[in-house]
Protein backbone atom coordinates (compact mmCIF):
# COMPACT_ATOMS: atom_id res chain seq x y z
CA MET A 1 -69.32 16.36 -25.58
CA VAL A 2 -67.36 17.47 -22.48
CA HIS A 3 -65.32 15.03 -20.40
CA ASP A 4 -64.91 15.42 -16.68
CA HIS A 5 -61.09 15.35 -16.32
CA ARG A 6 -61.34 15.31 -12.56
CA ARG A 7 -62.76 11.82 -12.77
CA THR A 8 -60.34 10.29 -15.32
CA ALA A 9 -57.13 11.96 -14.06
CA PRO A 10 -57.23 10.37 -10.59
CA GLN A 11 -57.97 6.96 -12.11
CA ARG A 12 -55.04 7.30 -14.49
CA GLY A 13 -52.79 8.49 -11.65
CA THR A 14 -53.94 5.60 -9.49
CA ALA A 15 -53.12 3.13 -12.29
CA ILE A 16 -49.67 4.68 -12.71
CA SER A 17 -49.04 4.65 -8.95
CA THR A 18 -50.22 1.04 -8.70
CA ASN A 19 -47.93 0.05 -11.59
CA ARG A 20 -44.99 1.83 -9.93
CA ILE A 21 -45.69 0.07 -6.64
CA LYS A 22 -45.91 -3.30 -8.41
CA ALA A 23 -42.64 -2.59 -10.23
CA GLY A 24 -41.00 -1.56 -6.95
CA VAL A 25 -42.18 -4.71 -5.19
CA LEU A 26 -40.99 -6.85 -8.10
CA ALA A 27 -37.58 -5.14 -8.09
CA ALA A 28 -37.25 -5.56 -4.31
CA ALA A 29 -38.21 -9.24 -4.56
CA THR A 30 -35.66 -9.74 -7.33
CA VAL A 31 -32.89 -8.08 -5.31
CA ALA A 32 -33.87 -10.09 -2.22
CA GLY A 33 -33.77 -13.27 -4.29
CA LEU A 34 -30.30 -12.42 -5.56
CA ALA A 35 -29.12 -11.69 -2.03
CA LEU A 36 -30.44 -15.03 -0.85
CA ALA A 37 -28.93 -16.79 -3.84
CA THR A 38 -25.48 -15.33 -3.18
CA ALA A 39 -25.47 -15.82 0.59
CA PRO A 40 -24.38 -19.49 0.47
CA ALA A 41 -21.54 -18.65 -1.94
CA ASP A 42 -20.28 -15.91 0.39
CA ALA A 43 -20.51 -18.28 3.34
CA ALA A 44 -18.44 -20.85 1.43
CA ASP A 45 -15.59 -18.30 1.19
CA HIS A 46 -15.19 -18.34 4.97
CA CYS A 47 -13.61 -21.23 6.84
CA LYS A 48 -13.10 -21.91 10.53
CA ALA A 49 -9.70 -22.53 12.08
CA GLY A 50 -8.80 -23.85 15.49
CA GLY A 51 -9.42 -21.44 18.32
CA GLY A 52 -12.61 -20.14 16.72
CA ALA A 53 -11.03 -18.00 14.01
CA VAL A 54 -12.99 -17.38 10.82
CA TYR A 55 -10.83 -16.68 7.80
CA ILE A 56 -10.92 -16.31 4.02
CA CYS A 57 -10.64 -19.88 2.73
CA GLN A 58 -8.75 -19.15 -0.48
CA TYR A 59 -5.82 -17.71 1.49
CA GLY A 60 -5.53 -20.69 3.82
CA VAL A 61 -3.68 -20.96 7.13
CA THR A 62 0.10 -20.50 7.03
CA LYS A 63 2.00 -22.56 9.59
CA HIS A 64 5.48 -21.81 10.85
CA LYS A 65 7.67 -23.88 13.15
CA LEU A 66 9.58 -21.90 15.76
CA PRO A 67 13.18 -22.78 16.77
CA ASP A 68 12.11 -24.13 20.18
CA GLY A 69 9.63 -26.54 18.59
CA GLY A 70 6.68 -24.24 19.13
CA LYS A 71 4.25 -23.47 16.35
CA GLN A 72 2.81 -20.26 14.97
CA GLN A 73 -0.11 -19.87 12.59
CA PHE A 74 -1.13 -16.95 10.40
CA LEU A 75 -4.33 -16.33 8.48
CA VAL A 76 -6.26 -13.57 6.75
CA GLY A 77 -9.43 -12.87 8.72
CA THR A 78 -12.74 -11.83 7.24
CA ASP A 79 -11.69 -8.24 8.01
CA ASN A 80 -8.71 -8.80 5.63
CA ALA A 81 -6.25 -8.23 8.49
CA VAL A 82 -3.52 -10.75 9.25
CA TRP A 83 -4.12 -12.71 12.46
CA THR A 84 -1.76 -14.97 14.41
CA ARG A 85 -1.62 -17.39 17.30
CA TRP A 86 1.19 -19.55 18.68
CA THR A 87 1.83 -22.28 21.20
CA ASP A 88 3.07 -21.32 24.65
CA SER A 89 5.72 -23.20 26.66
CA ASP A 90 3.12 -25.81 27.68
CA GLY A 91 2.11 -26.40 24.05
CA ASP A 92 -1.27 -24.69 24.48
CA TRP A 93 -2.46 -22.33 21.78
CA THR A 94 -2.81 -18.63 22.57
CA HIS A 95 -5.85 -16.64 21.49
CA TRP A 96 -5.84 -15.17 17.99
CA SER A 97 -4.27 -11.71 17.80
CA SER A 98 -4.59 -9.18 14.98
CA MET A 99 -1.41 -8.06 13.26
CA GLY A 100 -3.29 -5.45 11.24
CA GLY A 101 -2.66 -4.77 7.60
CA THR A 102 -4.95 -5.39 4.65
CA ALA A 103 -4.13 -8.64 2.89
CA ARG A 104 -5.44 -9.82 -0.46
CA SER A 105 -3.35 -12.98 -0.73
CA SER A 106 -2.01 -15.95 1.14
CA ILE A 107 0.62 -15.22 3.77
CA VAL A 108 4.18 -16.21 2.94
CA VAL A 109 6.80 -16.67 5.66
CA ILE A 110 10.27 -15.58 4.50
CA ASP A 111 13.58 -15.55 6.33
CA ARG A 112 15.76 -13.54 3.96
CA PHE A 113 15.84 -10.62 6.42
CA SER A 114 16.77 -12.83 9.38
CA ALA A 115 20.55 -12.33 9.31
CA GLY A 116 20.88 -15.96 10.43
CA ASP A 117 18.65 -15.50 13.48
CA PRO A 118 16.01 -18.31 13.41
CA TRP A 119 13.71 -16.26 15.66
CA GLN A 120 13.64 -13.42 13.14
CA PHE A 121 11.48 -13.91 10.06
CA SER A 122 9.08 -11.91 7.92
CA LEU A 123 5.57 -12.23 6.60
CA SER A 124 4.73 -11.15 3.09
CA VAL A 125 1.24 -10.43 1.71
CA GLU A 126 -0.25 -8.63 -1.24
CA GLY A 127 -2.09 -5.44 -0.28
CA ASN A 128 -5.12 -3.78 -1.88
CA ASP A 129 -2.93 -1.83 -4.27
CA GLY A 130 -1.12 -4.90 -5.70
CA TRP A 131 2.10 -4.20 -3.82
CA ARG A 132 3.68 -6.75 -1.49
CA PHE A 133 3.92 -5.74 2.15
CA VAL A 134 6.28 -7.19 4.74
CA LYS A 135 6.16 -7.34 8.54
CA THR A 136 9.27 -8.64 10.32
CA ARG A 137 9.53 -10.40 13.68
CA HIS A 138 12.48 -9.48 15.86
CA HIS A 139 14.35 -11.94 18.07
CA ASP A 140 12.50 -10.67 21.17
CA GLY A 141 9.08 -11.40 19.60
CA SER A 142 8.18 -7.82 18.72
CA TRP A 143 7.13 -6.96 15.17
CA THR A 144 7.83 -4.08 12.79
CA ASP A 145 5.01 -2.19 11.12
CA TRP A 146 3.90 -3.34 7.67
CA PHE A 147 6.09 -1.79 4.99
CA PRO A 148 5.90 -2.03 1.18
CA MET A 149 8.43 -3.95 -0.84
CA PRO A 150 10.27 -1.94 -3.49
CA ASP A 151 8.55 -3.57 -6.49
CA PRO A 152 4.85 -4.31 -7.10
CA VAL A 153 3.70 -7.92 -7.46
């Protein structure tokens, strides 16, 4: 008895292709389900601050009182950069401004580099590499670049 392989081979190939398509659809549906399941958790990691800023909740908003009674706030945005805003002479808040950097921690305000000048203070954050980075405000309001501290966290 002779079998016609031309007839059975395409059927077998069609069954294999159909099974592969079904497996692909199932895998895509599973991945889509996981993406939908994790979306609310990701959204919960982002909070809103005054002035419309969106930031990483776990790092919070760091507040600092300025010598003239003004206020300054710092936060880690969803881009992992440090952002700031402050009150002007009328007490109105400025827009948020990026200070750059890549933070993976809360922002700490320190004054050990101030040399007694209340307008001079520093910010300290942990970077991607586990090292602490510092950015210092000068008396005139300008800032240094971010620079690493001598010892890792």
